[in-house]
């Protein structure tokens, strides 16, 4: 069963460009993972500090496999996560 996730990120004021720059290499890597059908980041038109990630995966196993490759939160490659203004909101849907 396909899985769709919608994740909303709110970043600290004025750090949107830095957030996108930091996240972009990870986005490109994840797009290449088996079972990843969509992995895109969008910036809100009315609020440049709000972003939405749209993900579509073939199944939960594909998500689990990709998560194993994600570095720990203290790894330098994910320093952009420190720009978040709070925890992201995550919605999950099955198709």
PDB file of N, CA and C in Angstrom:
ATOM      1  N   UNK A   1       0.842  -1.174   0.000  1.00  0.00           N
ATOM      2  CA  UNK A   1       0.000   0.000   0.000  1.00  0.00           C
ATOM      3  C   UNK A   1       0.895   1.247   0.000  1.00  0.00           C
ATOM      4  N   UNK A   2       0.648   2.172  -0.919  1.00  0.00           N
ATOM      5  CA  UNK A   2       1.434   3.402  -1.001  1.00  0.00           C
ATOM      6  C   UNK A   2       1.175   4.282   0.215  1.00  0.00           C
ATOM      7  N   UNK A   3       2.201   5.019   0.596  1.00  0.00           N
ATOM      8  CA  UNK A   3       2.114   5.914   1.748  1.00  0.00           C
ATOM      9  C   UNK A   3       2.449   7.326   1.281  1.00  0.00           C
ATOM     10  N   UNK A   4       1.601   8.277   1.657  1.00  0.00           N
ATOM     11  CA  UNK A   4       1.842   9.692   1.386  1.00  0.00           C
ATOM     12  C   UNK A   4       2.014  10.388   2.724  1.00  0.00           C
ATOM     13  N   UNK A   5       3.045  11.221   2.802  1.00  0.00           N
ATOM     14  CA  UNK A   5       3.262  12.000   4.015  1.00  0.00           C
ATOM     15  C   UNK A   5       3.319  13.477   3.632  1.00  0.00           C
ATOM     16  N   UNK A   6       2.690  14.297   4.447  1.00  0.00           N
ATOM     17  CA  UNK A   6       2.733  15.747   4.306  1.00  0.00           C
ATOM     18  C   UNK A   6       3.342  16.269   5.598  1.00  0.00           C
ATOM     19  N   UNK A   7       4.503  16.908   5.475  1.00  0.00           N
ATOM     20  CA  UNK A   7       5.215  17.378   6.657  1.00  0.00           C
ATOM     21  C   UNK A   7       5.367  18.890   6.544  1.00  0.00           C
ATOM     22  N   UNK A   8       4.916  19.601   7.557  1.00  0.00           N
ATOM     23  CA  UNK A   8       5.003  21.056   7.580  1.00  0.00           C
ATOM     24  C   UNK A   8       6.115  21.477   8.529  1.00  0.00           C
ATOM     25  N   UNK A   9       7.037  22.258   7.998  1.00  0.00           N
ATOM     26  CA  UNK A   9       8.152  22.788   8.770  1.00  0.00           C
ATOM     27  C   UNK A   9       7.963  24.290   8.949  1.00  0.00           C
ATOM     28  N   UNK A  10       8.203  24.774  10.134  1.00  0.00           N
ATOM     29  CA  UNK A  10       8.228  26.219  10.396  1.00  0.00           C
ATOM     30  C   UNK A  10       9.649  26.521  10.845  1.00  0.00           C
ATOM     31  N   UNK A  11      10.311  27.445  10.154  1.00  0.00           N
ATOM     32  CA  UNK A  11      11.689  27.787  10.501  1.00  0.00           C
ATOM     33  C   UNK A  11      11.731  29.132  11.223  1.00  0.00           C
ATOM     34  N   UNK A  12      12.845  29.390  11.873  1.00  0.00           N
ATOM     35  CA  UNK A  12      13.029  30.661  12.554  1.00  0.00           C
ATOM     36  C   UNK A  12      12.960  31.790  11.523  1.00  0.00           C
ATOM     37  N   UNK A  13      12.417  32.930  11.890  1.00  0.00           N
ATOM     38  CA  UNK A  13      12.246  34.032  10.931  1.00  0.00           C
ATOM     39  C   UNK A  13      13.534  34.369  10.175  1.00  0.00           C
ATOM     40  N   UNK A  14      13.376  34.462   8.864  1.00  0.00           N
ATOM     41  CA  UNK A  14      14.474  34.869   8.005  1.00  0.00           C
ATOM     42  C   UNK A  14      15.493  33.793   7.669  1.00  0.00           C
ATOM     43  N   UNK A  15      15.251  32.549   8.055  1.00  0.00           N
ATOM     44  CA  UNK A  15      16.241  31.486   7.804  1.00  0.00           C
ATOM     45  C   UNK A  15      15.810  30.519   6.702  1.00  0.00           C
ATOM     46  N   UNK A  16      14.779  30.868   5.961  1.00  0.00           N
ATOM     47  CA  UNK A  16      14.254  29.976   4.931  1.00  0.00           C
ATOM     48  C   UNK A  16      15.276  29.576   3.878  1.00  0.00           C
ATOM     49  N   UNK A  17      16.040  30.531   3.374  1.00  0.00           N
ATOM     50  CA  UNK A  17      17.034  30.201   2.343  1.00  0.00           C
ATOM     51  C   UNK A  17      18.093  29.255   2.883  1.00  0.00           C
ATOM     52  N   UNK A  18      18.533  29.483   4.097  1.00  0.00           N
ATOM     53  CA  UNK A  18      19.538  28.616   4.724  1.00  0.00           C
ATOM     54  C   UNK A  18      18.968  27.202   4.923  1.00  0.00           C
ATOM     55  N   UNK A  19      17.699  27.131   5.308  1.00  0.00           N
ATOM     56  CA  UNK A  19      17.027  25.842   5.490  1.00  0.00           C
ATOM     57  C   UNK A  19      16.997  25.064   4.173  1.00  0.00           C
ATOM     58  N   UNK A  20      16.592  25.721   3.099  1.00  0.00           N
ATOM     59  CA  UNK A  20      16.515  25.068   1.790  1.00  0.00           C
ATOM     60  C   UNK A  20      17.908  24.628   1.325  1.00  0.00           C
ATOM     61  N   UNK A  21      18.895  25.487   1.493  1.00  0.00           N
ATOM     62  CA  UNK A  21      20.262  25.153   1.089  1.00  0.00           C
ATOM     63  C   UNK A  21      20.763  23.920   1.829  1.00  0.00           C
ATOM     64  N   UNK A  22      20.485  23.838   3.118  1.00  0.00           N
ATOM     65  CA  UNK A  22      20.919  22.689   3.901  1.00  0.00           C
ATOM     66  C   UNK A  22      20.167  21.411   3.573  1.00  0.00           C
ATOM     67  N   UNK A  23      18.878  21.548   3.280  1.00  0.00           N
ATOM     68  CA  UNK A  23      18.019  20.388   3.039  1.00  0.00           C
ATOM     69  C   UNK A  23      18.200  19.821   1.628  1.00  0.00           C
ATOM     70  N   UNK A  24      18.557  20.655   0.671  1.00  0.00           N
ATOM     71  CA  UNK A  24      18.602  20.249  -0.741  1.00  0.00           C
ATOM     72  C   UNK A  24      19.438  18.996  -1.020  1.00  0.00           C
ATOM     73  N   UNK A  25      20.648  18.851  -0.466  1.00  0.00           N
ATOM     74  CA  UNK A  25      21.411  17.636  -0.754  1.00  0.00           C
ATOM     75  C   UNK A  25      20.722  16.363  -0.262  1.00  0.00           C
ATOM     76  N   UNK A  26      20.046  16.468   0.865  1.00  0.00           N
ATOM     77  CA  UNK A  26      19.337  15.302   1.401  1.00  0.00           C
ATOM     78  C   UNK A  26      18.138  14.972   0.521  1.00  0.00           C
ATOM     79  N   UNK A  27      17.445  15.995   0.061  1.00  0.00           N
ATOM     80  CA  UNK A  27      16.300  15.772  -0.825  1.00  0.00           C
ATOM     81  C   UNK A  27      16.745  15.020  -2.075  1.00  0.00           C
ATOM     82  N   UNK A  28      17.836  15.449  -2.674  1.00  0.00           N
ATOM     83  CA  UNK A  28      18.330  14.793  -3.882  1.00  0.00           C
ATOM     84  C   UNK A  28      18.728  13.344  -3.617  1.00  0.00           C
ATOM     85  N   UNK A  29      19.312  13.087  -2.468  1.00  0.00           N
ATOM     86  CA  UNK A  29      19.697  11.721  -2.108  1.00  0.00           C
ATOM     87  C   UNK A  29      18.464  10.844  -1.907  1.00  0.00           C
ATOM     88  N   UNK A  30      17.485  11.355  -1.173  1.00  0.00           N
ATOM     89  CA  UNK A  30      16.286  10.558  -0.866  1.00  0.00           C
ATOM     90  C   UNK A  30      15.506  10.236  -2.138  1.00  0.00           C
ATOM     91  N   UNK A  31      15.455  11.162  -3.079  1.00  0.00           N
ATOM     92  CA  UNK A  31      14.727  10.926  -4.337  1.00  0.00           C
ATOM     93  C   UNK A  31      15.241   9.697  -5.079  1.00  0.00           C
ATOM     94  N   UNK A  32      16.485   9.323  -4.838  1.00  0.00           N
ATOM     95  CA  UNK A  32      17.100   8.179  -5.516  1.00  0.00           C
ATOM     96  C   UNK A  32      16.844   6.856  -4.804  1.00  0.00           C
ATOM     97  N   UNK A  33      16.241   6.904  -3.629  1.00  0.00           N
ATOM     98  CA  UNK A  33      16.025   5.687  -2.852  1.00  0.00           C
ATOM     99  C   UNK A  33      14.929   4.817  -3.470  1.00  0.00           C
ATOM    100  N   UNK A  34      15.117   3.490  -3.431  1.00  0.00           N
ATOM    101  CA  UNK A  34      14.086   2.582  -3.947  1.00  0.00           C
ATOM    102  C   UNK A  34      12.753   2.813  -3.216  1.00  0.00           C
ATOM    103  N   UNK A  35      11.700   2.912  -3.979  1.00  0.00           N
ATOM    104  CA  UNK A  35      10.371   3.085  -3.402  1.00  0.00           C
ATOM    105  C   UNK A  35       9.972   4.531  -3.185  1.00  0.00           C
ATOM    106  N   UNK A  36      10.889   5.476  -3.390  1.00  0.00           N
ATOM    107  CA  UNK A  36      10.552   6.892  -3.268  1.00  0.00           C
ATOM    108  C   UNK A  36       9.930   7.347  -4.583  1.00  0.00           C
ATOM    109  N   UNK A  37       8.677   7.737  -4.540  1.00  0.00           N
ATOM    110  CA  UNK A  37       7.969   8.159  -5.743  1.00  0.00           C
ATOM    111  C   UNK A  37       7.851   9.675  -5.829  1.00  0.00           C
ATOM    112  N   UNK A  38       7.942  10.335  -4.674  1.00  0.00           N
ATOM    113  CA  UNK A  38       7.888  11.806  -4.643  1.00  0.00           C
ATOM    114  C   UNK A  38       8.509  12.274  -3.344  1.00  0.00           C
ATOM    115  N   UNK A  39       9.328  13.317  -3.427  1.00  0.00           N
ATOM    116  CA  UNK A  39       9.967  13.898  -2.249  1.00  0.00           C
ATOM    117  C   UNK A  39      10.313  15.331  -2.607  1.00  0.00           C
ATOM    118  N   UNK A  40       9.373  16.247  -2.344  1.00  0.00           N
ATOM    119  CA  UNK A  40       9.519  17.623  -2.781  1.00  0.00           C
ATOM    120  C   UNK A  40       9.229  18.590  -1.644  1.00  0.00           C
ATOM    121  N   UNK A  41      10.014  19.666  -1.601  1.00  0.00           N
ATOM    122  CA  UNK A  41       9.858  20.705  -0.600  1.00  0.00           C
ATOM    123  C   UNK A  41       9.298  21.953  -1.264  1.00  0.00           C
ATOM    124  N   UNK A  42       8.279  22.536  -0.648  1.00  0.00           N
ATOM    125  CA  UNK A  42       7.643  23.744  -1.158  1.00  0.00           C
ATOM    126  C   UNK A  42       7.655  24.817  -0.079  1.00  0.00           C
ATOM    127  N   UNK A  43       7.817  26.058  -0.505  1.00  0.00           N
ATOM    128  CA  UNK A  43       7.761  27.205   0.408  1.00  0.00           C
ATOM    129  C   UNK A  43       6.390  27.852   0.266  1.00  0.00           C
ATOM    130  N   UNK A  44       5.787  28.207   1.399  1.00  0.00           N
ATOM    131  CA  UNK A  44       4.482  28.875   1.375  1.00  0.00           C
ATOM    132  C   UNK A  44       4.615  30.236   0.696  1.00  0.00           C
ATOM    133  N   UNK A  45       3.659  30.580  -0.133  1.00  0.00           N
ATOM    134  CA  UNK A  45       3.679  31.853  -0.853  1.00  0.00           C
ATOM    135  C   UNK A  45       3.512  33.022   0.122  1.00  0.00           C
ATOM    136  N   UNK A  46       2.629  32.871   1.087  1.00  0.00           N
ATOM    137  CA  UNK A  46       2.319  33.973   1.999  1.00  0.00           C
ATOM    138  C   UNK A  46       3.255  34.055   3.200  1.00  0.00           C
ATOM    139  N   UNK A  47       4.092  33.029   3.409  1.00  0.00           N
ATOM    140  CA  UNK A  47       4.957  33.020   4.594  1.00  0.00           C
ATOM    141  C   UNK A  47       6.239  32.264   4.271  1.00  0.00           C
ATOM    142  N   UNK A  48       7.305  32.997   4.021  1.00  0.00           N
ATOM    143  CA  UNK A  48       8.563  32.368   3.585  1.00  0.00           C
ATOM    144  C   UNK A  48       9.267  31.589   4.690  1.00  0.00           C
ATOM    145  N   UNK A  49       8.675  31.526   5.867  1.00  0.00           N
ATOM    146  CA  UNK A  49       9.239  30.737   6.968  1.00  0.00           C
ATOM    147  C   UNK A  49       8.496  29.414   7.156  1.00  0.00           C
ATOM    148  N   UNK A  50       7.580  29.108   6.250  1.00  0.00           N
ATOM    149  CA  UNK A  50       6.808  27.864   6.330  1.00  0.00           C
ATOM    150  C   UNK A  50       7.054  27.040   5.065  1.00  0.00           C
ATOM    151  N   UNK A  51       7.343  25.753   5.282  1.00  0.00           N
ATOM    152  CA  UNK A  51       7.631  24.834   4.186  1.00  0.00           C
ATOM    153  C   UNK A  51       6.796  23.578   4.339  1.00  0.00           C
ATOM    154  N   UNK A  52       6.469  22.968   3.212  1.00  0.00           N
ATOM    155  CA  UNK A  52       5.742  21.706   3.213  1.00  0.00           C
ATOM    156  C   UNK A  52       6.523  20.708   2.373  1.00  0.00           C
ATOM    157  N   UNK A  53       6.740  19.527   2.941  1.00  0.00           N
ATOM    158  CA  UNK A  53       7.377  18.423   2.232  1.00  0.00           C
ATOM    159  C   UNK A  53       6.268  17.453   1.833  1.00  0.00           C
ATOM    160  N   UNK A  54       6.207  17.141   0.548  1.00  0.00           N
ATOM    161  CA  UNK A  54       5.266  16.138   0.064  1.00  0.00           C
ATOM    162  C   UNK A  54       6.063  14.894  -0.290  1.00  0.00           C
ATOM    163  N   UNK A  55       5.679  13.785   0.320  1.00  0.00           N
ATOM    164  CA  UNK A  55       6.366  12.514   0.096  1.00  0.00           C
ATOM    165  C   UNK A  55       5.358  11.473  -0.362  1.00  0.00           C
ATOM    166  N   UNK A  56       5.778  10.641  -1.288  1.00  0.00           N
ATOM    167  CA  UNK A  56       4.988   9.461  -1.662  1.00  0.00           C
ATOM    168  C   UNK A  56       5.969   8.302  -1.774  1.00  0.00           C
ATOM    169  N   UNK A  57       5.631   7.225  -1.094  1.00  0.00           N
ATOM    170  CA  UNK A  57       6.466   6.033  -1.032  1.00  0.00           C
ATOM    171  C   UNK A  57       5.659   4.826  -1.471  1.00  0.00           C
ATOM    172  N   UNK A  58       6.342   3.854  -2.052  1.00  0.00           N
ATOM    173  CA  UNK A  58       5.675   2.628  -2.512  1.00  0.00           C
ATOM    174  C   UNK A  58       5.018   1.899  -1.340  1.00  0.00           C
ATOM    175  N   UNK A  59       5.683   1.922  -0.181  1.00  0.00           N
ATOM    176  CA  UNK A  59       5.152   1.253   1.012  1.00  0.00           C
ATOM    177  C   UNK A  59       5.962   1.676   2.234  1.00  0.00           C
ATOM    178  N   UNK A  60       5.538   1.219   3.394  1.00  0.00           N
ATOM    179  CA  UNK A  60       6.225   1.572   4.639  1.00  0.00           C
ATOM    180  C   UNK A  60       7.648   1.038   4.673  1.00  0.00           C
ATOM    181  N   UNK A  61       7.875  -0.104   4.075  1.00  0.00           N
ATOM    182  CA  UNK A  61       9.228  -0.676   4.050  1.00  0.00           C
ATOM    183  C   UNK A  61      10.210   0.264   3.342  1.00  0.00           C
ATOM    184  N   UNK A  62       9.757   0.941   2.293  1.00  0.00           N
ATOM    185  CA  UNK A  62      10.626   1.892   1.584  1.00  0.00           C
ATOM    186  C   UNK A  62      10.981   3.076   2.485  1.00  0.00           C
ATOM    187  N   UNK A  63      10.023   3.554   3.259  1.00  0.00           N
ATOM    188  CA  UNK A  63      10.291   4.647   4.208  1.00  0.00           C
ATOM    189  C   UNK A  63      11.295   4.185   5.251  1.00  0.00           C
ATOM    190  N   UNK A  64      11.058   3.022   5.808  1.00  0.00           N
ATOM    191  CA  UNK A  64      11.944   2.496   6.855  1.00  0.00           C
ATOM    192  C   UNK A  64      13.370   2.346   6.342  1.00  0.00           C
ATOM    193  N   UNK A  65      13.513   1.880   5.126  1.00  0.00           N
ATOM    194  CA  UNK A  65      14.835   1.700   4.533  1.00  0.00           C
ATOM    195  C   UNK A  65      15.534   3.047   4.348  1.00  0.00           C
ATOM    196  N   UNK A  66      14.818   4.044   3.857  1.00  0.00           N
ATOM    197  CA  UNK A  66      15.399   5.372   3.648  1.00  0.00           C
ATOM    198  C   UNK A  66      15.777   6.025   4.978  1.00  0.00           C
ATOM    199  N   UNK A  67      14.984   5.818   6.004  1.00  0.00           N
ATOM    200  CA  UNK A  67      15.280   6.420   7.314  1.00  0.00           C
ATOM    201  C   UNK A  67      16.581   5.894   7.900  1.00  0.00           C
ATOM    202  N   UNK A  68      16.938   4.677   7.581  1.00  0.00           N
ATOM    203  CA  UNK A  68      18.193   4.106   8.085  1.00  0.00           C
ATOM    204  C   UNK A  68      19.406   4.858   7.538  1.00  0.00           C
ATOM    205  N   UNK A  69      19.254   5.496   6.378  1.00  0.00           N
ATOM    206  CA  UNK A  69      20.349   6.223   5.760  1.00  0.00           C
ATOM    207  C   UNK A  69      20.486   7.649   6.280  1.00  0.00           C
ATOM    208  N   UNK A  70      19.439   8.146   6.954  1.00  0.00           N
ATOM    209  CA  UNK A  70      19.431   9.518   7.429  1.00  0.00           C
ATOM    210  C   UNK A  70      20.390   9.651   8.601  1.00  0.00           C
ATOM    211  N   UNK A  71      21.309  10.621   8.541  1.00  0.00           N
ATOM    212  CA  UNK A  71      22.282  10.767   9.630  1.00  0.00           C
ATOM    213  C   UNK A  71      21.610  11.203  10.930  1.00  0.00           C
ATOM    214  N   UNK A  72      22.282  10.981  12.041  1.00  0.00           N
ATOM    215  CA  UNK A  72      21.762  11.392  13.336  1.00  0.00           C
ATOM    216  C   UNK A  72      21.581  12.900  13.407  1.00  0.00           C
ATOM    217  N   UNK A  73      20.734  13.356  14.305  1.00  0.00           N
ATOM    218  CA  UNK A  73      20.391  14.781  14.368  1.00  0.00           C
ATOM    219  C   UNK A  73      21.582  15.680  14.690  1.00  0.00           C
ATOM    220  N   UNK A  74      22.658  15.129  15.204  1.00  0.00           N
ATOM    221  CA  UNK A  74      23.835  15.933  15.519  1.00  0.00           C
ATOM    222  C   UNK A  74      24.878  15.930  14.400  1.00  0.00           C
ATOM    223  N   UNK A  75      24.613  15.228  13.320  1.00  0.00           N
ATOM    224  CA  UNK A  75      25.548  15.156  12.195  1.00  0.00           C
ATOM    225  C   UNK A  75      25.583  16.516  11.488  1.00  0.00           C
ATOM    226  N   UNK A  76      26.769  16.980  11.077  1.00  0.00           N
ATOM    227  CA  UNK A  76      26.872  18.292  10.409  1.00  0.00           C
ATOM    228  C   UNK A  76      25.987  18.449   9.171  1.00  0.00           C
ATOM    229  N   UNK A  77      25.708  17.354   8.476  1.00  0.00           N
ATOM    230  CA  UNK A  77      24.903  17.461   7.255  1.00  0.00           C
ATOM    231  C   UNK A  77      23.448  17.829   7.530  1.00  0.00           C
ATOM    232  N   UNK A  78      23.017  17.719   8.767  1.00  0.00           N
ATOM    233  CA  UNK A  78      21.637  18.087   9.099  1.00  0.00           C
ATOM    234  C   UNK A  78      21.589  19.276  10.064  1.00  0.00           C
ATOM    235  N   UNK A  79      22.637  20.097  10.045  1.00  0.00           N
ATOM    236  CA  UNK A  79      22.675  21.289  10.898  1.00  0.00           C
ATOM    237  C   UNK A  79      21.492  22.209  10.616  1.00  0.00           C
ATOM    238  N   UNK A  80      20.958  22.155   9.383  1.00  0.00           N
ATOM    239  CA  UNK A  80      19.820  23.000   9.028  1.00  0.00           C
ATOM    240  C   UNK A  80      18.598  22.726   9.903  1.00  0.00           C
ATOM    241  N   UNK A  81      18.534  21.542  10.513  1.00  0.00           N
ATOM    242  CA  UNK A  81      17.394  21.228  11.383  1.00  0.00           C
ATOM    243  C   UNK A  81      17.354  22.131  12.618  1.00  0.00           C
ATOM    244  N   UNK A  82      18.483  22.714  12.972  1.00  0.00           N
ATOM    245  CA  UNK A  82      18.520  23.634  14.110  1.00  0.00           C
ATOM    246  C   UNK A  82      17.793  24.939  13.787  1.00  0.00           C
ATOM    247  N   UNK A  83      17.457  25.154  12.537  1.00  0.00           N
ATOM    248  CA  UNK A  83      16.732  26.350  12.121  1.00  0.00           C
ATOM    249  C   UNK A  83      15.231  26.229  12.356  1.00  0.00           C
ATOM    250  N   UNK A  84      14.763  25.033  12.690  1.00  0.00           N
ATOM    251  CA  UNK A  84      13.327  24.841  12.913  1.00  0.00           C
ATOM    252  C   UNK A  84      12.862  25.629  14.125  1.00  0.00           C
ATOM    253  N   UNK A  85      11.671  26.199  14.014  1.00  0.00           N
ATOM    254  CA  UNK A  85      11.081  26.959  15.106  1.00  0.00           C
ATOM    255  C   UNK A  85      10.311  26.050  16.066  1.00  0.00           C
ATOM    256  N   UNK A  86      10.248  24.785  15.764  1.00  0.00           N
ATOM    257  CA  UNK A  86       9.538  23.804  16.580  1.00  0.00           C
ATOM    258  C   UNK A  86       9.480  22.494  15.821  1.00  0.00           C
ATOM    259  N   UNK A  87       8.890  21.477  16.425  1.00  0.00           N
ATOM    260  CA  UNK A  87       8.810  20.188  15.732  1.00  0.00           C
ATOM    261  C   UNK A  87       7.897  20.278  14.505  1.00  0.00           C
ATOM    262  N   UNK A  88       8.250  19.552  13.453  1.00  0.00           N
ATOM    263  CA  UNK A  88       7.391  19.566  12.267  1.00  0.00           C
ATOM    264  C   UNK A  88       6.066  18.854  12.522  1.00  0.00           C
ATOM    265  N   UNK A  89       5.043  19.268  11.804  1.00  0.00           N
ATOM    266  CA  UNK A  89       3.738  18.606  11.860  1.00  0.00           C
ATOM    267  C   UNK A  89       3.711  17.578  10.744  1.00  0.00           C
ATOM    268  N   UNK A  90       3.322  16.343  11.083  1.00  0.00           N
ATOM    269  CA  UNK A  90       3.362  15.246  10.112  1.00  0.00           C
ATOM    270  C   UNK A  90       1.965  14.643   9.970  1.00  0.00           C
ATOM    271  N   UNK A  91       1.542  14.513   8.709  1.00  0.00           N
ATOM    272  CA  UNK A  91       0.290  13.825   8.403  1.00  0.00           C
ATOM    273  C   UNK A  91       0.625  12.659   7.493  1.00  0.00           C
ATOM    274  N   UNK A  92      -0.030  11.546   7.726  1.00  0.00           N
ATOM    275  CA  UNK A  92       0.253  10.326   6.968  1.00  0.00           C
ATOM    276  C   UNK A  92      -1.044   9.806   6.352  1.00  0.00           C
ATOM    277  N   UNK A  93      -0.941   9.400   5.098  1.00  0.00           N
ATOM    278  CA  UNK A  93      -2.096   8.886   4.374  1.00  0.00           C
ATOM    279  C   UNK A  93      -1.672   7.602   3.667  1.00  0.00           C
ATOM    280  N   UNK A  94      -2.587   6.659   3.550  1.00  0.00           N
ATOM    281  CA  UNK A  94      -2.331   5.433   2.805  1.00  0.00           C
ATOM    282  C   UNK A  94      -3.259   5.402   1.612  1.00  0.00           C
ATOM    283  N   UNK A  95      -2.711   4.900   0.508  1.00  0.00           N
ATOM    284  CA  UNK A  95      -3.476   4.837  -0.735  1.00  0.00           C
ATOM    285  C   UNK A  95      -3.621   3.376  -1.138  1.00  0.00           C
TER     286      UNK A  95
END
